[in-house]
Amino acid sequence: MPFKLSESRSGLVFMTGLLVAAGASVGLDQGGRLLSQAQTLASLQSAKEELAVAPRRALTPDDLTAATIAWTYIQANTRPETGLVDSVAGFPSTTLWDQGSYVLAMLSAYRIGLINRAELDFRLEQFLNTFERLPLFDGKLPNKVYHTETLAMVDYQNNAVEDGIGWSALDVARILSALRAVERIEPKYGPQIRQLLGRWQLDAMTKGGQLVGALKEGDEVTYPQEGRIGYEQYAARASALWGLDVLGVISARPVLKWEDVLEVQVPVDKRDHSIFRAITPILSEPFILQGLELGLDSETALLASRVYRAQEARYLATGTLTMVSEDHVDQDPYFLYSAVHSNGDAWAVVNENGKRYDELRTLSVKSIFAWDALYQTEYTALLRTHINDLGDPEKGWPAGIYETSGAVNEAYSLNTNAIVLEAIHNIAFGPLWQS
């Protein structure tokens, strides 16, 4: 049985233009004074200890401005017909992963004061009513992709597919995480959420303690295991909140090995990509999501710290600002995994099929905000200053800056802007599940 990372988030195709990135490489010291890049390099050299999550603090004007810009994306891309938000700006298609991002962004925006209770209730009620109407793949679980205006099950090119193309266990887990957060923060929606999930056969997405997707190719449906280190543990913790059997993947230990990346021992998935036909990216995304939404447990705290440290170490060694994750890109192939380590190599940038695109490595906006919310280091302060002017008050935050060209990666997506909102929420309130 082939192993899959996920097929749900990389298939949305779009094209936008490029802009030249601006902003000097400067940081802040503990007193708020600007640091040159050379000064910051020197001051970071001694910071080798494992990182602890930063304490909560009051939001600054810059925090609130960043959150306001992020919410602009959601306002501009909400479809009035359904209340769903486009995964990529202007393209009427979405996945469950991205709708989970929307719900968590909505809760974050409410708690930090960007929207009032009336708007929260309107959006949540429309969202839940729409989800009650979603056609399900094989009558069991939501399809991987939907048209945001019509709710038709579609493929990744947004072509209607009457019977759907399958489900992703990782994506379903993300919406489960979001709905659990709704129950915790707004318990009056609990009965409607339970009724909604009563239509879904949640036990179909697990088998023998593993996460299982469904993939339709022609007339055949297969049920591959899904997930790699980080993604598996995030999805497992979210699924466990609803009582699903994910015991086999709740910990990364059975598949974990360590690789040296710039003198940082980085967690790597020992399932060989060439044997199991799945990419093995170790990057920011699943670790920052666990930290922002569920809180880091003892295992993921260590893994997250190492993933962050390796990126800081690359900057220290080369002077190249580094913060990598999965991101949309505004050119072919449109979605990439920029990794600390993937498929046997450090700093590989790969698509879903493992093809290398290192020239499109992106300094990831969402990752900068998220790591800064979690750790608040001198390096994350430097990075936030570097991207401070990227946000567009009419469009939201783009994916980031291409490392090679210095041009802006002008892919505007729901996931980027939702994670910015989650990060700002985390600064003030901590993880959404715990706050």
Protein backbone atom coordinates (compact mmCIF):
# COMPACT_ATOMS: atom_id res chain seq x y z
CA MET A 1 0.00 0.00 0.00
CA PRO A 2 1.55 3.36 -0.99
CA PHE A 3 2.00 6.06 1.62
CA LYS A 4 0.61 9.52 0.91
CA LEU A 5 1.47 12.82 2.53
CA SER A 6 -1.70 14.50 1.35
CA GLU A 7 -3.15 15.29 -2.05
CA SER A 8 -5.65 17.92 -0.99
CA ARG A 9 -3.78 21.15 -0.63
CA SER A 10 -1.41 21.16 -3.58
CA GLY A 11 -3.77 20.89 -6.53
CA LEU A 12 -5.37 24.34 -6.70
CA VAL A 13 -4.00 26.08 -9.79
CA PHE A 14 -3.77 29.85 -10.24
CA MET A 15 -1.47 32.54 -11.66
CA THR A 16 -0.70 36.01 -10.36
CA GLY A 17 2.13 38.47 -11.05
CA LEU A 18 5.39 39.16 -9.29
CA LEU A 19 6.51 42.26 -7.42
CA VAL A 20 9.96 43.17 -6.15
CA ALA A 21 10.31 42.67 -2.40
CA ALA A 22 11.42 45.58 -0.27
CA GLY A 23 12.74 45.99 3.24
CA ALA A 24 16.13 45.96 4.93
CA SER A 25 17.48 43.01 6.92
CA VAL A 26 17.21 44.45 10.38
CA GLY A 27 16.02 43.13 13.74
CA LEU A 28 15.17 44.30 17.21
CA ASP A 29 17.02 43.81 20.46
CA GLN A 30 15.22 43.22 23.74
CA GLY A 31 14.81 46.94 24.23
CA GLY A 32 13.16 47.39 20.88
CA ARG A 33 16.20 48.99 19.23
CA LEU A 34 17.02 48.18 15.63
CA LEU A 35 19.87 45.72 15.06
CA SER A 36 21.89 45.35 11.89
CA GLN A 37 22.04 41.90 10.30
CA ALA A 38 25.66 41.48 11.43
CA GLN A 39 24.80 42.38 15.04
CA THR A 40 21.90 39.95 15.02
CA LEU A 41 24.09 37.15 13.68
CA ALA A 42 26.54 37.66 16.51
CA SER A 43 23.92 37.87 19.24
CA LEU A 44 22.23 34.66 18.09
CA GLN A 45 25.41 32.59 18.10
CA SER A 46 25.15 31.84 21.81
CA ALA A 47 21.46 30.92 21.81
CA LYS A 48 21.83 27.14 21.57
CA GLU A 49 19.50 25.95 24.31
CA GLU A 50 16.19 24.26 23.51
CA LEU A 51 13.40 26.75 23.18
CA ALA A 52 10.49 27.25 25.54
CA VAL A 53 7.18 28.67 24.38
CA ALA A 54 7.07 32.41 24.98
CA PRO A 55 4.69 33.84 27.59
CA ARG A 56 1.57 35.64 26.48
CA ARG A 57 1.80 39.38 26.04
CA ALA A 58 -0.36 42.33 25.09
CA LEU A 59 -0.82 42.91 21.38
CA THR A 60 1.06 45.80 19.79
CA PRO A 61 -0.26 48.12 17.06
CA ASP A 62 1.86 46.14 14.56
CA ASP A 63 0.20 42.91 15.70
CA LEU A 64 -3.27 44.35 15.23
CA THR A 65 -2.39 45.80 11.84
CA ALA A 66 -1.07 42.42 10.70
CA ALA A 67 -4.27 40.71 11.85
CA THR A 68 -6.47 43.32 10.20
CA ILE A 69 -4.66 42.82 6.89
CA ALA A 70 -5.09 39.05 7.18
CA TRP A 71 -8.82 39.38 7.85
CA THR A 72 -9.08 41.48 4.67
CA TYR A 73 -8.32 38.34 2.65
CA ILE A 74 -11.21 36.51 4.26
CA GLN A 75 -13.63 39.38 3.74
CA ALA A 76 -12.62 39.68 0.08
CA ASN A 77 -12.85 35.95 -0.67
CA THR A 78 -15.97 34.78 1.21
CA ARG A 79 -18.57 33.43 -1.21
CA PRO A 80 -22.01 34.80 -0.27
CA GLU A 81 -23.77 31.79 -1.82
CA THR A 82 -22.26 29.36 0.69
CA GLY A 83 -20.23 31.29 3.25
CA LEU A 84 -17.12 29.32 2.26
CA VAL A 85 -13.83 31.07 1.57
CA ASP A 86 -11.74 30.45 -1.54
CA SER A 87 -8.47 28.64 -0.83
CA VAL A 88 -6.69 30.89 -3.36
CA ALA A 89 -7.82 34.42 -4.06
CA GLY A 90 -10.48 34.59 -6.77
CA PHE A 91 -10.51 30.84 -7.54
CA PRO A 92 -13.86 29.30 -6.41
CA SER A 93 -12.48 26.08 -4.98
CA THR A 94 -11.51 24.81 -1.55
CA THR A 95 -10.48 21.86 0.61
CA LEU A 96 -11.47 20.84 4.11
CA TRP A 97 -7.97 21.76 5.29
CA ASP A 98 -8.51 25.33 4.18
CA GLN A 99 -12.04 25.56 5.58
CA GLY A 100 -10.59 24.43 8.91
CA SER A 101 -8.18 27.33 8.55
CA TYR A 102 -11.13 29.65 7.95
CA VAL A 103 -12.99 28.57 11.08
CA LEU A 104 -9.89 28.97 13.25
CA ALA A 105 -9.19 32.37 11.69
CA MET A 106 -12.77 33.40 12.42
CA LEU A 107 -12.46 32.46 16.09
CA SER A 108 -9.11 34.26 16.28
CA ALA A 109 -10.50 37.41 14.70
CA TYR A 110 -13.39 37.45 17.16
CA ARG A 111 -11.22 36.95 20.23
CA ILE A 112 -8.78 39.70 19.29
CA GLY A 113 -11.61 42.12 18.52
CA LEU A 114 -11.59 42.38 14.72
CA ILE A 115 -15.19 41.19 14.39
CA ASN A 116 -18.13 41.38 16.77
CA ARG A 117 -20.40 38.60 18.01
CA ALA A 118 -23.03 39.31 15.37
CA GLU A 119 -20.55 38.70 12.55
CA LEU A 120 -19.11 35.64 14.28
CA ASP A 121 -22.58 34.13 14.68
CA PHE A 122 -23.56 34.96 11.09
CA ARG A 123 -20.42 33.37 9.68
CA LEU A 124 -20.51 30.29 11.91
CA GLU A 125 -24.19 29.64 11.28
CA GLN A 126 -23.80 29.98 7.51
CA PHE A 127 -20.72 27.78 7.58
CA LEU A 128 -22.35 24.99 9.60
CA ASN A 129 -25.55 25.13 7.55
CA THR A 130 -23.48 24.81 4.38
CA PHE A 131 -21.47 21.90 5.75
CA GLU A 132 -24.71 20.08 6.52
CA ARG A 133 -25.41 20.18 2.77
CA LEU A 134 -22.02 18.94 1.54
CA PRO A 135 -22.26 15.85 -0.67
CA LEU A 136 -20.03 13.11 0.73
CA PHE A 137 -17.66 10.82 -1.11
CA ASP A 138 -19.14 7.32 -1.12
CA GLY A 139 -21.67 8.64 1.39
CA LYS A 140 -19.00 8.54 4.12
CA LEU A 141 -16.75 11.58 4.34
CA PRO A 142 -16.31 14.92 2.58
CA ASN A 143 -14.64 14.97 -0.82
CA LYS A 144 -11.11 16.39 -1.14
CA VAL A 145 -12.23 19.47 -3.08
CA TYR A 146 -15.45 21.50 -3.46
CA HIS A 147 -16.64 24.37 -5.61
CA THR A 148 -17.18 27.26 -3.20
CA GLU A 149 -20.22 28.65 -5.05
CA THR A 150 -22.12 25.46 -5.89
CA LEU A 151 -20.77 22.91 -3.34
CA ALA A 152 -20.22 20.47 -6.21
CA MET A 153 -17.57 17.83 -5.63
CA VAL A 154 -14.72 18.72 -7.98
CA ASP A 155 -11.18 17.73 -8.91
CA TYR A 156 -8.15 19.94 -8.40
CA GLN A 157 -8.81 21.82 -11.63
CA ASN A 158 -12.29 22.63 -10.25
CA ASN A 159 -14.06 20.39 -12.75
CA ALA A 160 -17.22 18.81 -11.39
CA VAL A 161 -16.87 15.09 -10.62
CA GLU A 162 -20.24 13.61 -9.78
CA ASP A 163 -18.94 10.86 -7.51
CA GLY A 164 -15.95 12.83 -6.16
CA ILE A 165 -12.25 11.95 -6.09
CA GLY A 166 -11.83 10.66 -2.53
CA TRP A 167 -11.17 12.00 0.95
CA SER A 168 -8.06 13.08 2.84
CA ALA A 169 -7.76 11.97 6.46
CA LEU A 170 -5.37 14.87 7.14
CA ASP A 171 -7.86 17.40 5.82
CA VAL A 172 -10.79 15.89 7.71
CA ALA A 173 -8.66 16.00 10.86
CA ARG A 174 -8.05 19.71 10.40
CA ILE A 175 -11.77 20.49 10.21
CA LEU A 176 -12.26 18.28 13.28
CA SER A 177 -9.69 20.41 15.13
CA ALA A 178 -11.53 23.56 14.10
CA LEU A 179 -14.96 22.27 15.12
CA ARG A 180 -13.64 21.17 18.51
CA ALA A 181 -12.31 24.69 19.03
CA VAL A 182 -15.75 26.08 18.18
CA GLU A 183 -17.34 23.80 20.77
CA ARG A 184 -14.87 24.98 23.39
CA ILE A 185 -15.09 28.70 22.69
CA GLU A 186 -18.77 28.85 21.61
CA PRO A 187 -20.44 25.81 23.22
CA LYS A 188 -23.92 26.76 21.99
CA TYR A 189 -22.90 25.35 18.59
CA GLY A 190 -22.10 21.95 20.06
CA PRO A 191 -25.43 20.27 19.26
CA GLN A 192 -25.36 21.42 15.62
CA ILE A 193 -21.75 20.26 15.26
CA ARG A 194 -22.61 16.85 16.72
CA GLN A 195 -25.55 16.54 14.36
CA LEU A 196 -23.37 17.49 11.41
CA LEU A 197 -20.67 14.96 12.28
CA GLY A 198 -23.34 12.34 12.82
CA ARG A 199 -23.68 12.23 9.01
CA TRP A 200 -19.99 11.42 8.58
CA GLN A 201 -18.49 7.97 9.04
CA LEU A 202 -15.43 9.18 10.90
CA ASP A 203 -14.22 5.68 11.63
CA ALA A 204 -13.61 5.24 7.89
CA MET A 205 -10.57 7.52 8.11
CA THR A 206 -8.66 5.28 10.51
CA LYS A 207 -7.58 1.64 10.40
CA GLY A 208 -5.40 -0.18 12.90
CA GLY A 209 -4.48 3.07 14.61
CA GLN A 210 -3.38 4.68 11.31
CA LEU A 211 -4.87 7.53 9.28
CA VAL A 212 -6.45 6.34 6.02
CA GLY A 213 -7.55 8.34 2.99
CA ALA A 214 -9.62 7.36 -0.02
CA LEU A 215 -8.36 7.79 -3.59
CA LYS A 216 -10.51 7.22 -6.65
CA GLU A 217 -8.67 6.54 -9.91
CA GLY A 218 -10.97 5.54 -12.72
CA ASP A 219 -13.46 3.07 -11.31
CA GLU A 220 -11.12 1.89 -8.55
CA VAL A 221 -11.01 3.27 -5.01
CA THR A 222 -7.96 2.58 -2.83
CA TYR A 223 -7.44 3.45 0.83
CA PRO A 224 -3.83 4.60 1.36
CA GLN A 225 -2.24 5.45 4.68
CA GLU A 226 -1.70 9.20 4.97
CA GLY A 227 0.83 11.38 6.70
CA ARG A 228 4.45 11.85 7.62
CA ILE A 229 6.15 13.09 10.79
CA GLY A 230 4.53 16.27 12.02
CA TYR A 231 1.45 16.01 9.84
CA GLU A 232 0.56 12.59 11.25
CA GLN A 233 0.86 13.73 14.86
CA TYR A 234 -1.12 16.92 14.26
CA ALA A 235 -3.93 15.02 12.55
CA ALA A 236 -3.85 12.27 15.17
CA ARG A 237 -4.20 14.68 18.08
CA ALA A 238 -7.12 16.42 16.34
CA SER A 239 -8.79 13.08 15.58
CA ALA A 240 -8.27 11.82 19.12
CA LEU A 241 -10.35 14.75 20.39
CA TRP A 242 -13.29 12.98 18.75
CA GLY A 243 -12.45 9.52 20.06
CA LEU A 244 -10.92 8.06 16.90
CA ASP A 245 -8.36 5.24 17.10
CA VAL A 246 -5.06 6.89 16.14
CA LEU A 247 -2.85 5.19 18.70
CA GLY A 248 -0.35 4.06 16.07
CA VAL A 249 0.51 7.60 14.95
CA ILE A 250 -0.07 9.80 18.01
CA SER A 251 3.70 9.62 18.60
CA ALA A 252 6.41 10.04 15.96
CA ARG A 253 8.80 7.67 17.74
CA PRO A 254 8.17 4.51 15.66
CA VAL A 255 9.21 6.27 12.42
CA LEU A 256 11.65 8.87 13.77
CA LYS A 257 15.33 9.22 13.00
CA TRP A 258 17.66 12.18 13.41
CA GLU A 259 19.67 13.93 10.71
CA ASP A 260 22.34 16.56 11.24
CA VAL A 261 21.47 19.83 9.53
CA LEU A 262 24.01 22.55 10.27
CA GLU A 263 24.80 20.95 13.64
CA VAL A 264 21.13 20.75 14.60
CA GLN A 265 19.66 17.26 15.05
CA VAL A 266 16.50 17.45 12.96
CA PRO A 267 13.66 14.89 13.12
CA VAL A 268 13.29 12.97 9.85
CA ASP A 269 10.79 10.31 8.78
CA LYS A 270 12.65 7.03 8.25
CA ARG A 271 10.09 5.71 5.74
CA ASP A 272 12.06 5.91 2.50
CA HIS A 273 10.36 8.09 -0.10
CA SER A 274 11.68 5.97 -2.97
CA ILE A 275 10.14 2.81 -1.51
CA PHE A 276 6.84 4.16 -0.24
CA ARG A 277 6.30 6.67 -3.07
CA ALA A 278 5.60 9.68 -0.88
CA ILE A 279 7.59 12.81 -0.14
CA THR A 280 8.98 13.26 3.37
CA PRO A 281 9.19 17.02 4.02
CA ILE A 282 10.16 18.28 7.46
CA LEU A 283 9.01 21.87 7.56
CA SER A 284 7.26 24.44 9.71
CA GLU A 285 3.59 23.78 8.95
CA PRO A 286 2.47 20.89 11.17
CA PHE A 287 4.58 22.00 14.13
CA ILE A 288 3.34 25.58 14.13
CA LEU A 289 -0.25 24.40 13.77
CA GLN A 290 0.10 22.14 16.79
CA GLY A 291 1.59 24.98 18.77
CA LEU A 292 -1.01 27.57 17.78
CA GLU A 293 -4.09 25.35 18.02
CA LEU A 294 -3.52 22.41 20.37
CA GLY A 295 -0.38 23.39 22.26
CA LEU A 296 2.93 21.55 22.06
CA ASP A 297 3.22 18.36 24.11
CA SER A 298 6.56 17.09 25.41
CA GLU A 299 7.42 15.28 22.18
CA THR A 300 6.31 17.91 19.68
CA ALA A 301 7.94 20.65 21.76
CA LEU A 302 11.30 19.00 21.12
CA LEU A 303 10.63 18.34 17.44
CA ALA A 304 9.31 21.86 16.83
CA SER A 305 12.29 23.42 18.56
CA ARG A 306 14.70 21.51 16.33
CA VAL A 307 12.82 22.42 13.14
CA TYR A 308 12.91 26.08 14.13
CA ARG A 309 16.58 25.92 15.21
CA ALA A 310 17.73 24.49 11.88
CA GLN A 311 16.19 27.42 10.04
CA GLU A 312 17.84 29.90 12.38
CA ALA A 313 21.13 28.00 11.95
CA ARG A 314 20.98 28.39 8.16
CA TYR A 315 20.72 32.14 8.62
CA LEU A 316 23.62 32.13 11.06
CA ALA A 317 25.77 30.07 8.69
CA THR A 318 24.95 31.86 5.45
CA GLY A 319 23.32 35.19 6.23
CA THR A 320 20.30 34.07 4.18
CA LEU A 321 16.98 34.73 5.88
CA THR A 322 15.27 31.36 6.12
CA MET A 323 11.79 30.26 7.15
CA VAL A 324 10.27 27.42 5.15
CA SER A 325 6.97 25.60 4.91
CA GLU A 326 4.42 24.36 2.43
CA ASP A 327 3.17 27.31 0.39
CA HIS A 328 1.36 28.24 -2.75
CA VAL A 329 3.56 29.84 -5.38
CA ASP A 330 2.42 32.23 -8.09
CA GLN A 331 3.89 30.20 -10.95
CA ASP A 332 4.13 26.61 -12.09
CA PRO A 333 3.85 24.22 -10.18
CA TYR A 334 1.71 26.50 -7.93
CA PHE A 335 2.23 24.58 -4.66
CA LEU A 336 5.51 23.47 -3.07
CA TYR A 337 6.97 21.99 0.09
CA SER A 338 10.03 24.06 1.07
CA ALA A 339 11.68 21.86 3.65
CA VAL A 340 14.42 21.77 6.23
CA HIS A 341 14.91 18.18 5.07
CA SER A 342 13.02 16.15 2.48
CA ASN A 343 13.58 12.99 0.46
CA GLY A 344 17.08 12.54 1.86
CA ASP A 345 18.36 16.09 1.37
CA ALA A 346 18.60 19.23 3.47
CA TRP A 347 16.78 22.32 2.19
CA ALA A 348 15.00 20.51 -0.64
CA VAL A 349 12.02 22.21 -2.26
CA VAL A 350 9.71 19.60 -3.78
CA ASN A 351 6.29 19.24 -5.31
CA GLU A 352 3.89 16.43 -4.45
CA ASN A 353 5.73 14.09 -6.81
CA GLY A 354 9.17 14.86 -5.41
CA LYS A 355 10.46 17.02 -8.29
CA ARG A 356 12.92 19.66 -7.07
CA TYR A 357 12.25 23.40 -7.35
CA ASP A 358 14.95 24.81 -5.10
CA GLU A 359 14.99 28.06 -7.09
CA LEU A 360 11.46 28.77 -5.78
CA ARG A 361 12.27 28.52 -2.07
CA THR A 362 10.09 31.07 -0.29
CA LEU A 363 10.65 32.99 2.93
CA SER A 364 7.26 32.04 4.36
CA VAL A 365 5.12 34.83 5.82
CA LYS A 366 2.79 32.57 7.81
CA SER A 367 5.73 30.68 9.31
CA ILE A 368 7.42 33.90 10.39
CA PHE A 369 4.32 35.07 12.25
CA ALA A 370 3.71 31.64 13.77
CA TRP A 371 7.26 30.99 15.02
CA ASP A 372 7.39 34.54 16.37
CA ALA A 373 4.16 33.94 18.28
CA LEU A 374 5.50 30.69 19.72
CA TYR A 375 9.09 31.66 20.57
CA GLN A 376 9.53 35.45 20.21
CA THR A 377 13.26 35.25 19.51
CA GLU A 378 15.58 37.92 18.14
CA TYR A 379 15.58 36.04 14.85
CA THR A 380 11.78 35.98 14.55
CA ALA A 381 11.71 39.70 15.39
CA LEU A 382 14.24 40.27 12.59
CA LEU A 383 12.06 38.32 10.18
CA ARG A 384 8.87 40.14 11.12
CA THR A 385 10.60 43.46 10.53
CA HIS A 386 11.83 42.20 7.14
CA ILE A 387 8.30 41.38 5.90
CA ASN A 388 6.48 44.18 7.69
CA ASP A 389 5.55 46.02 4.47
CA LEU A 390 4.40 42.97 2.47
CA GLY A 391 0.80 43.01 3.65
CA ASP A 392 -1.72 44.56 1.25
CA PRO A 393 -4.68 46.25 3.00
CA GLU A 394 -6.94 45.22 0.10
CA LYS A 395 -5.65 41.68 -0.58
CA GLY A 396 -4.14 40.36 2.64
CA TRP A 397 -0.72 38.77 3.12
CA PRO A 398 1.08 37.08 0.20
CA ALA A 399 2.91 33.79 0.64
CA GLY A 400 6.31 35.43 1.10
CA ILE A 401 9.52 36.35 -0.71
CA TYR A 402 11.43 34.18 -3.17
CA GLU A 403 14.90 33.59 -1.75
CA THR A 404 16.72 33.55 -5.10
CA SER A 405 15.16 36.54 -6.86
CA GLY A 406 14.02 38.61 -3.88
CA ALA A 407 10.66 39.06 -5.62
CA VAL A 408 7.39 38.75 -3.73
CA ASN A 409 5.66 35.39 -4.07
CA GLU A 410 2.28 36.94 -4.78
CA ALA A 411 0.19 33.90 -4.03
CA TYR A 412 -2.63 35.13 -1.78
CA SER A 413 -4.17 32.21 0.06
CA LEU A 414 -6.60 31.45 2.85
CA ASN A 415 -4.09 29.32 4.73
CA THR A 416 -1.42 32.02 4.88
CA ASN A 417 -3.82 34.65 6.17
CA ALA A 418 -5.59 32.30 8.57
CA ILE A 419 -2.30 31.31 10.19
CA VAL A 420 -1.34 34.97 10.58
CA LEU A 421 -4.60 35.46 12.50
CA GLU A 422 -3.99 32.35 14.61
CA ALA A 423 -0.50 33.59 15.40
CA ILE A 424 -1.69 36.99 16.58
CA HIS A 425 -4.36 35.26 18.69
CA ASN A 426 -1.69 33.03 20.20
CA ILE A 427 0.43 35.98 21.28
CA ALA A 428 -2.39 37.27 23.46
CA PHE A 429 -4.32 34.13 24.45
CA GLY A 430 -2.23 31.02 23.76
CA PRO A 431 -3.41 27.93 21.82
CA LEU A 432 -7.00 28.05 20.61
CA TRP A 433 -7.84 24.69 22.19
CA GLN A 434 -6.47 25.71 25.58
CA SER A 435 -7.44 29.38 25.80
